Amino acid sequence: MLTREMLRLGLPELYARRVRLRQLRAEDYPALERILSDPLVIQYVNRIRKPVYTRMRRLVAQIKVSADSLDSLHFAVEWHQRNTGESNLLGESNEPTSSPLLGIVSFQQWNERTGEAQLGYILDRPFWGQGLATEMVGEMLNFGFGSLKLKRIESRCQEDNQASMRVLIKNKMRLLRTIGAYDPSGEVPSVLVFSMTQGDYA
């Protein structure tokens, strides 16, 4: 079992079929800022309705603080075999164009004592719809229940984010509840809470 003290030496590298998950580094933050400056990406990250730049700066700051304290475990996502010339289903090259960072995947609010964490991920828009998120989530579940010995993993997505909902269902996470939001403008969506226990995973 990996403990917080052990992880202070560095996060392990994790491998799915096409992507490698590694510790987020300082040099990744400019690319992360670019990804989160895309209005279509950040619209599903939180329910705050403020200008995109404000939301991006706030989120990146939160990621930095939680990564330094290990309250959250943030992994950078990059291609596992970037030089194979593998193509996606549309026949287009999966080679990154401007940055090797495809996104990040995280265990947020990691509570080592209770064995619980919240799984979240952000993927750059050019890589949507290729099954990468399903791979990322699957590998994080394996790491969480295997190496971290978590008892329960929760993940949340906005109710209008059908793609993320499918990713969680494909990984056999169960819909637990819905968090509604009282907002007279109607702009703040409800959030679906999915969950999986160690027993479910086993």
Protein backbone atom coordinates (compact mmCIF):
# COMPACT_ATOMS: atom_id res chain seq x y z
CA MET A 1 0.00 0.00 0.00
CA LEU A 2 1.33 3.42 -0.98
CA THR A 3 1.11 6.03 1.78
CA ARG A 4 1.25 9.82 1.65
CA GLU A 5 4.78 9.76 3.05
CA MET A 6 5.89 7.36 0.33
CA LEU A 7 4.30 9.51 -2.37
CA ARG A 8 6.20 12.58 -1.20
CA LEU A 9 9.12 11.04 -3.07
CA GLY A 10 7.07 11.16 -6.28
CA LEU A 11 4.03 9.63 -7.89
CA PRO A 12 4.45 6.36 -9.78
CA GLU A 13 4.06 6.21 -13.54
CA LEU A 14 0.90 4.43 -14.68
CA TYR A 15 0.27 2.98 -18.13
CA ALA A 16 -2.93 2.37 -20.03
CA ARG A 17 -3.02 1.04 -23.59
CA ARG A 18 -2.25 4.36 -25.28
CA VAL A 19 -1.42 6.82 -22.53
CA ARG A 20 1.10 7.25 -19.76
CA LEU A 21 0.15 8.94 -16.49
CA ARG A 22 3.00 10.66 -14.69
CA GLN A 23 3.44 13.25 -11.97
CA LEU A 24 2.41 16.75 -13.00
CA ARG A 25 5.48 18.97 -13.28
CA ALA A 26 6.01 22.74 -13.22
CA GLU A 27 6.68 22.81 -16.96
CA ASP A 28 3.23 21.34 -17.62
CA TYR A 29 1.35 24.35 -16.27
CA PRO A 30 1.54 26.55 -19.39
CA ALA A 31 0.00 23.76 -21.44
CA LEU A 32 -2.61 23.18 -18.74
CA GLU A 33 -3.50 26.87 -18.79
CA ARG A 34 -3.93 26.68 -22.56
CA ILE A 35 -6.20 23.64 -22.28
CA LEU A 36 -8.35 25.27 -19.61
CA SER A 37 -8.61 28.49 -21.61
CA ASP A 38 -10.83 26.62 -24.06
CA PRO A 39 -14.42 27.55 -23.08
CA LEU A 40 -15.70 24.13 -24.15
CA VAL A 41 -13.21 22.36 -21.89
CA ILE A 42 -13.64 24.44 -18.76
CA GLN A 43 -17.43 24.56 -18.97
CA TYR A 44 -17.57 21.03 -17.56
CA VAL A 45 -14.88 21.48 -14.89
CA ASN A 46 -16.84 23.43 -12.31
CA ARG A 47 -20.16 25.18 -11.88
CA ILE A 48 -18.76 28.66 -11.39
CA ARG A 49 -20.11 31.05 -13.99
CA LYS A 50 -17.34 33.61 -14.31
CA PRO A 51 -15.16 34.62 -17.28
CA VAL A 52 -13.06 31.79 -18.69
CA TYR A 53 -9.71 33.40 -17.81
CA THR A 54 -10.79 33.92 -14.19
CA ARG A 55 -11.97 30.34 -13.88
CA MET A 56 -8.80 29.01 -15.49
CA ARG A 57 -6.47 30.95 -13.19
CA ARG A 58 -8.42 29.90 -10.10
CA LEU A 59 -8.43 26.24 -11.09
CA VAL A 60 -4.73 26.12 -11.95
CA ALA A 61 -3.91 27.75 -8.59
CA GLN A 62 -6.03 25.14 -6.79
CA ILE A 63 -4.26 22.34 -8.66
CA LYS A 64 -0.83 23.69 -7.69
CA VAL A 65 -1.72 24.03 -4.00
CA SER A 66 -3.35 20.60 -3.72
CA ALA A 67 -0.50 18.93 -5.62
CA ASP A 68 2.13 20.44 -3.32
CA SER A 69 0.25 19.32 -0.21
CA LEU A 70 -0.66 15.90 -1.67
CA ASP A 71 -4.28 16.54 -0.75
CA SER A 72 -4.83 15.63 -4.37
CA LEU A 73 -2.78 13.36 -6.64
CA HIS A 74 -2.52 14.95 -10.08
CA PHE A 75 -1.18 12.98 -13.04
CA ALA A 76 -0.21 14.48 -16.37
CA VAL A 77 -1.53 12.49 -19.33
CA GLU A 78 0.63 11.99 -22.40
CA TRP A 79 0.96 9.48 -25.22
CA HIS A 80 2.47 6.18 -24.22
CA GLN A 81 3.79 5.37 -27.71
CA ARG A 82 4.03 8.69 -29.45
CA ASN A 83 6.36 7.45 -32.17
CA THR A 84 4.36 4.46 -33.39
CA GLY A 85 2.32 6.47 -35.89
CA GLU A 86 -0.86 4.94 -34.49
CA SER A 87 -3.97 6.52 -35.96
CA ASN A 88 -7.39 7.01 -34.51
CA LEU A 89 -10.63 5.67 -35.97
CA LEU A 90 -10.89 8.61 -38.36
CA GLY A 91 -7.49 7.84 -39.83
CA GLU A 92 -5.97 10.95 -38.29
CA SER A 93 -2.63 10.87 -36.53
CA ASN A 94 -2.79 10.87 -32.74
CA GLU A 95 0.49 12.80 -32.59
CA PRO A 96 0.27 15.90 -30.37
CA THR A 97 0.52 19.13 -32.32
CA SER A 98 1.44 21.90 -29.87
CA SER A 99 2.09 20.10 -26.59
CA PRO A 100 2.65 16.53 -25.37
CA LEU A 101 0.21 17.18 -22.53
CA LEU A 102 -3.17 15.67 -23.39
CA GLY A 103 -4.75 16.57 -20.05
CA ILE A 104 -4.65 15.59 -16.40
CA VAL A 105 -6.37 13.00 -14.26
CA SER A 106 -6.54 13.30 -10.48
CA PHE A 107 -7.59 11.86 -7.18
CA GLN A 108 -8.95 14.97 -5.47
CA GLN A 109 -9.72 15.34 -1.77
CA TRP A 110 -7.74 12.19 -1.03
CA ASN A 111 -8.41 11.07 2.53
CA GLU A 112 -5.84 8.49 3.49
CA ARG A 113 -7.53 7.81 6.83
CA THR A 114 -10.99 6.98 5.45
CA GLY A 115 -9.72 5.55 2.18
CA GLU A 116 -11.79 7.83 -0.04
CA ALA A 117 -11.03 10.08 -2.99
CA GLN A 118 -12.80 11.90 -5.80
CA LEU A 119 -11.72 11.08 -9.33
CA GLY A 120 -11.63 13.85 -11.91
CA TYR A 121 -10.05 14.46 -15.28
CA ILE A 122 -9.54 17.12 -17.92
CA LEU A 123 -8.79 16.25 -21.55
CA ASP A 124 -7.79 18.68 -24.29
CA ARG A 125 -10.58 19.06 -26.84
CA PRO A 126 -8.71 17.64 -29.89
CA PHE A 127 -8.54 14.31 -28.07
CA TRP A 128 -12.22 13.98 -27.15
CA GLY A 129 -14.15 11.04 -28.54
CA GLN A 130 -11.18 8.69 -28.95
CA GLY A 131 -11.69 6.56 -25.84
CA LEU A 132 -8.72 8.07 -24.00
CA ALA A 133 -10.78 9.21 -21.02
CA THR A 134 -12.10 5.67 -20.57
CA GLU A 135 -8.52 4.38 -20.45
CA MET A 136 -7.42 7.08 -18.02
CA VAL A 137 -10.29 6.47 -15.62
CA GLY A 138 -9.84 2.70 -15.79
CA GLU A 139 -6.16 2.95 -14.89
CA MET A 140 -6.87 5.34 -12.03
CA LEU A 141 -9.45 2.95 -10.58
CA ASN A 142 -6.86 0.19 -10.76
CA PHE A 143 -4.29 2.39 -9.02
CA GLY A 144 -6.75 3.61 -6.41
CA PHE A 145 -8.13 0.26 -5.36
CA GLY A 146 -4.85 -1.57 -5.89
CA SER A 147 -1.89 0.57 -4.82
CA LEU A 148 -3.71 3.06 -2.57
CA LYS A 149 -6.15 0.50 -1.11
CA LEU A 150 -9.02 2.98 -1.33
CA LYS A 151 -12.38 1.87 0.01
CA ARG A 152 -14.49 4.17 -2.16
CA ILE A 153 -13.93 6.34 -5.21
CA GLU A 154 -16.42 8.99 -6.24
CA SER A 155 -16.59 10.91 -9.50
CA ARG A 156 -18.84 13.78 -10.55
CA CYS A 157 -19.98 15.19 -13.85
CA GLN A 158 -22.48 17.80 -14.91
CA GLU A 159 -25.77 16.35 -16.04
CA ASP A 160 -25.35 17.75 -19.55
CA ASN A 161 -21.91 16.19 -19.96
CA GLN A 162 -23.07 13.01 -21.66
CA ALA A 163 -19.56 12.02 -22.75
CA SER A 164 -18.20 11.94 -19.18
CA MET A 165 -21.29 10.10 -18.02
CA ARG A 166 -20.59 7.37 -20.60
CA VAL A 167 -16.94 7.16 -19.50
CA LEU A 168 -17.94 6.52 -15.88
CA ILE A 169 -20.60 3.99 -16.80
CA LYS A 170 -18.17 2.12 -19.08
CA ASN A 171 -15.89 1.81 -16.08
CA LYS A 172 -18.78 0.34 -14.08
CA MET A 173 -19.21 3.27 -11.72
CA ARG A 174 -22.76 3.60 -10.38
CA LEU A 175 -24.93 6.68 -10.21
CA LEU A 176 -25.31 7.46 -6.52
CA ARG A 177 -27.19 10.75 -6.36
CA THR A 178 -27.80 14.09 -8.03
CA ILE A 179 -26.71 17.42 -6.57
CA GLY A 180 -29.11 20.11 -7.66
CA ALA A 181 -28.34 23.81 -7.71
CA TYR A 182 -30.79 26.59 -6.95
CA ASP A 183 -29.95 29.20 -9.52
CA PRO A 184 -32.61 31.63 -10.77
CA SER A 185 -30.72 32.16 -14.03
CA GLY A 186 -30.84 28.47 -14.85
CA GLU A 187 -27.20 28.57 -15.92
CA VAL A 188 -25.78 26.36 -13.17
CA PRO A 189 -26.32 22.68 -13.98
CA SER A 190 -27.03 19.83 -11.62
CA VAL A 191 -24.21 17.39 -10.92
CA LEU A 192 -24.38 13.60 -11.10
CA VAL A 193 -22.39 11.74 -8.45
CA PHE A 194 -21.03 8.32 -9.41
CA SER A 195 -19.39 5.93 -6.98
CA MET A 196 -17.50 2.65 -6.79
CA THR A 197 -16.40 0.72 -3.72
CA GLN A 198 -13.53 -1.69 -3.26
CA GLY A 199 -16.10 -4.48 -3.20
CA ASP A 200 -17.62 -3.32 -6.49
CA TYR A 201 -14.20 -3.25 -8.13
CA ALA A 202 -13.17 -6.66 -6.86
